[in-house]
Amino acid sequence: MSRVIYIDADACPVKDEAVQVARRHGLRVYIVSNGGIRPHQDPLVQNVIVPDGPDVADKWIADRATDGDVVVTADIPLAAQVVASGATALRHNGDVFSTENIGSQLATRNLMADLRAADPLMTGAGKQGGRVFSKQDRSRFLERLEALIRKANHA
């Protein structure tokens, strides 16, 4: 049974949608950031402010996420950690990180980081950024989160 939803909150555009799904299922939500985010008022939500520092929020989540939990993140190394612990990781566009795809995603991320470090003027597909977050992404996120929680509750 899915017990908790963790949200890697910095730059996450679907916090309210995740809380909406959690409320429907009576799940606790942890919104984790290093500050600068307006606290959520829902009683199922706990706002967690971690100290500044590289990957402190990620470490907080990775140390707690276990089998049956859902972690909302775009951070591939965090996703790799939580998938290894048995939790499910979900991007804000609805893409699910899995044991089948996390290795290749992590390898691609690391390769692109190495390429950017070697050529800071690199442009095109390897440059940070990407397409704009769309209504379809938001809708796909809601559908996938709902499906993941229902699946976990019936396991």
Protein backbone atom coordinates (compact mmCIF):
# COMPACT_ATOMS: atom_id res chain seq x y z
CA MET A 1 0.00 0.00 0.00
CA SER A 2 1.29 3.44 -0.89
CA ARG A 3 1.93 5.25 2.34
CA VAL A 4 3.62 8.56 1.58
CA ILE A 5 4.18 10.96 -1.29
CA TYR A 6 7.47 12.87 -1.15
CA ILE A 7 7.85 15.93 -3.35
CA ASP A 8 11.26 17.26 -4.33
CA ALA A 9 9.73 20.71 -4.30
CA ASP A 10 12.29 23.03 -5.86
CA ALA A 11 11.01 23.87 -9.36
CA CYS A 12 8.19 21.30 -9.12
CA PRO A 13 5.11 22.55 -11.00
CA VAL A 14 2.74 19.80 -9.75
CA LYS A 15 2.75 20.17 -5.96
CA ASP A 16 -0.95 21.04 -5.79
CA GLU A 17 -1.87 18.17 -8.11
CA ALA A 18 0.04 15.68 -5.96
CA VAL A 19 -1.71 16.98 -2.83
CA GLN A 20 -5.06 16.67 -4.61
CA VAL A 21 -4.43 12.98 -5.36
CA ALA A 22 -3.05 12.37 -1.85
CA ARG A 23 -6.14 13.92 -0.29
CA ARG A 24 -8.38 11.60 -2.32
CA HIS A 25 -6.48 8.58 -0.92
CA GLY A 26 -5.80 9.93 2.59
CA LEU A 27 -2.02 9.88 2.12
CA ARG A 28 0.56 12.00 3.91
CA VAL A 29 2.65 14.32 1.72
CA TYR A 30 6.09 15.73 2.49
CA ILE A 31 7.00 18.81 0.46
CA VAL A 32 10.78 19.05 0.82
CA SER A 33 12.82 22.12 -0.12
CA ASN A 34 15.55 24.39 1.14
CA GLY A 35 13.09 27.26 1.53
CA GLY A 36 11.47 29.88 -0.61
CA ILE A 37 8.25 27.92 -1.04
CA ARG A 38 4.91 29.01 0.36
CA PRO A 39 3.82 26.48 3.01
CA HIS A 40 0.88 24.28 2.07
CA GLN A 41 -2.06 24.49 4.45
CA ASP A 42 -3.55 21.02 3.93
CA PRO A 43 -3.38 18.96 7.17
CA LEU A 44 -2.04 15.94 5.24
CA VAL A 45 0.95 18.00 4.10
CA GLN A 46 4.12 18.46 6.06
CA ASN A 47 6.41 21.19 4.74
CA VAL A 48 10.04 20.22 5.32
CA ILE A 49 12.70 22.92 5.05
CA VAL A 50 16.21 21.48 4.90
CA PRO A 51 19.46 23.45 5.28
CA ASP A 52 21.08 24.96 2.19
CA GLY A 53 23.60 22.75 0.49
CA PRO A 54 23.98 20.52 -2.51
CA ASP A 55 21.46 17.66 -2.58
CA VAL A 56 20.34 18.11 1.04
CA ALA A 57 16.65 17.82 0.10
CA ASP A 58 17.43 14.80 -2.08
CA LYS A 59 19.26 13.11 0.79
CA TRP A 60 16.38 13.80 3.18
CA ILE A 61 13.95 12.13 0.78
CA ALA A 62 16.26 9.23 -0.13
CA ASP A 63 16.83 8.45 3.55
CA ARG A 64 13.08 8.04 4.13
CA ALA A 65 11.42 6.74 0.95
CA THR A 66 10.65 3.03 1.09
CA ASP A 67 8.65 0.38 -0.70
CA GLY A 68 5.17 1.67 -1.54
CA ASP A 69 6.06 5.36 -1.37
CA VAL A 70 5.97 7.71 -4.37
CA VAL A 71 8.64 10.36 -4.92
CA VAL A 72 7.91 13.24 -7.30
CA THR A 73 11.19 14.47 -8.75
CA ALA A 74 12.99 15.36 -11.96
CA ASP A 75 16.34 14.60 -10.32
CA ILE A 76 17.71 11.41 -11.88
CA PRO A 77 20.26 10.54 -9.14
CA LEU A 78 17.52 10.89 -6.49
CA ALA A 79 15.20 8.77 -8.62
CA ALA A 80 17.90 6.09 -8.85
CA GLN A 81 18.26 6.03 -5.07
CA VAL A 82 14.55 5.76 -4.33
CA VAL A 83 13.91 3.17 -7.06
CA ALA A 84 16.71 1.08 -5.51
CA SER A 85 14.92 1.33 -2.14
CA GLY A 86 11.66 0.05 -3.62
CA ALA A 87 9.85 3.37 -3.88
CA THR A 88 8.44 4.68 -7.15
CA ALA A 89 9.82 7.85 -8.70
CA LEU A 90 7.67 10.00 -10.97
CA ARG A 91 8.69 13.05 -13.02
CA HIS A 92 6.36 16.03 -12.98
CA ASN A 93 5.47 15.29 -16.64
CA GLY A 94 4.20 11.81 -15.74
CA ASP A 95 7.25 9.78 -16.80
CA VAL A 96 7.90 6.94 -14.38
CA PHE A 97 11.44 6.03 -13.38
CA SER A 98 11.78 2.26 -13.08
CA THR A 99 14.39 -0.41 -12.50
CA GLU A 100 14.23 -1.02 -16.26
CA ASN A 101 15.00 2.56 -17.33
CA ILE A 102 16.88 4.24 -14.48
CA GLY A 103 20.32 2.88 -15.42
CA SER A 104 20.22 4.26 -18.95
CA GLN A 105 18.77 7.59 -17.76
CA LEU A 106 21.51 7.94 -15.15
CA ALA A 107 24.21 7.05 -17.70
CA THR A 108 22.85 9.60 -20.20
CA ARG A 109 22.65 12.27 -17.51
CA ASN A 110 26.25 11.64 -16.45
CA LEU A 111 27.48 11.63 -20.06
CA MET A 112 25.76 14.94 -20.78
CA ALA A 113 27.21 16.45 -17.59
CA ASP A 114 30.70 15.36 -18.69
CA LEU A 115 30.15 16.82 -22.16
CA ARG A 116 28.92 20.14 -20.73
CA ALA A 117 31.94 20.26 -18.41
CA ALA A 118 34.28 19.67 -21.35
CA ASP A 119 32.57 22.26 -23.58
CA PRO A 120 30.72 24.94 -21.57
CA LEU A 121 29.62 26.61 -24.83
CA MET A 122 27.81 23.46 -25.96
CA THR A 123 24.43 24.19 -27.49
CA GLY A 124 21.53 22.14 -28.76
CA ALA A 125 20.24 18.83 -27.41
CA GLY A 126 22.93 18.52 -24.76
CA LYS A 127 22.31 21.89 -23.18
CA GLN A 128 20.23 22.16 -20.01
CA GLY A 129 16.64 23.15 -20.52
CA GLY A 130 14.02 21.63 -22.71
CA ARG A 131 10.48 22.06 -23.79
CA VAL A 132 7.88 24.01 -21.87
CA PHE A 133 5.76 22.20 -19.27
CA SER A 134 2.31 21.75 -20.85
CA LYS A 135 -1.28 21.02 -19.85
CA GLN A 136 -0.80 17.55 -21.33
CA ASP A 137 2.20 17.00 -19.01
CA ARG A 138 0.10 18.04 -16.02
CA SER A 139 -2.74 15.74 -17.08
CA ARG A 140 -0.35 12.81 -17.67
CA PHE A 141 1.19 13.39 -14.23
CA LEU A 142 -2.23 13.25 -12.55
CA GLU A 143 -3.18 10.09 -14.43
CA ARG A 144 0.08 8.30 -13.64
CA LEU A 145 0.15 9.31 -9.97
CA GLU A 146 -3.42 8.12 -9.54
CA ALA A 147 -2.62 4.82 -11.30
CA LEU A 148 0.55 4.26 -9.23
CA ILE A 149 -1.29 4.80 -5.96
CA ARG A 150 -4.20 2.57 -6.96
CA LYS A 151 -1.77 -0.16 -8.03
CA ALA A 152 0.17 0.09 -4.75
CA ASN A 153 -3.06 -0.02 -2.75
CA HIS A 154 -4.14 -3.23 -4.48
CA ALA A 155 -0.77 -4.99 -4.17
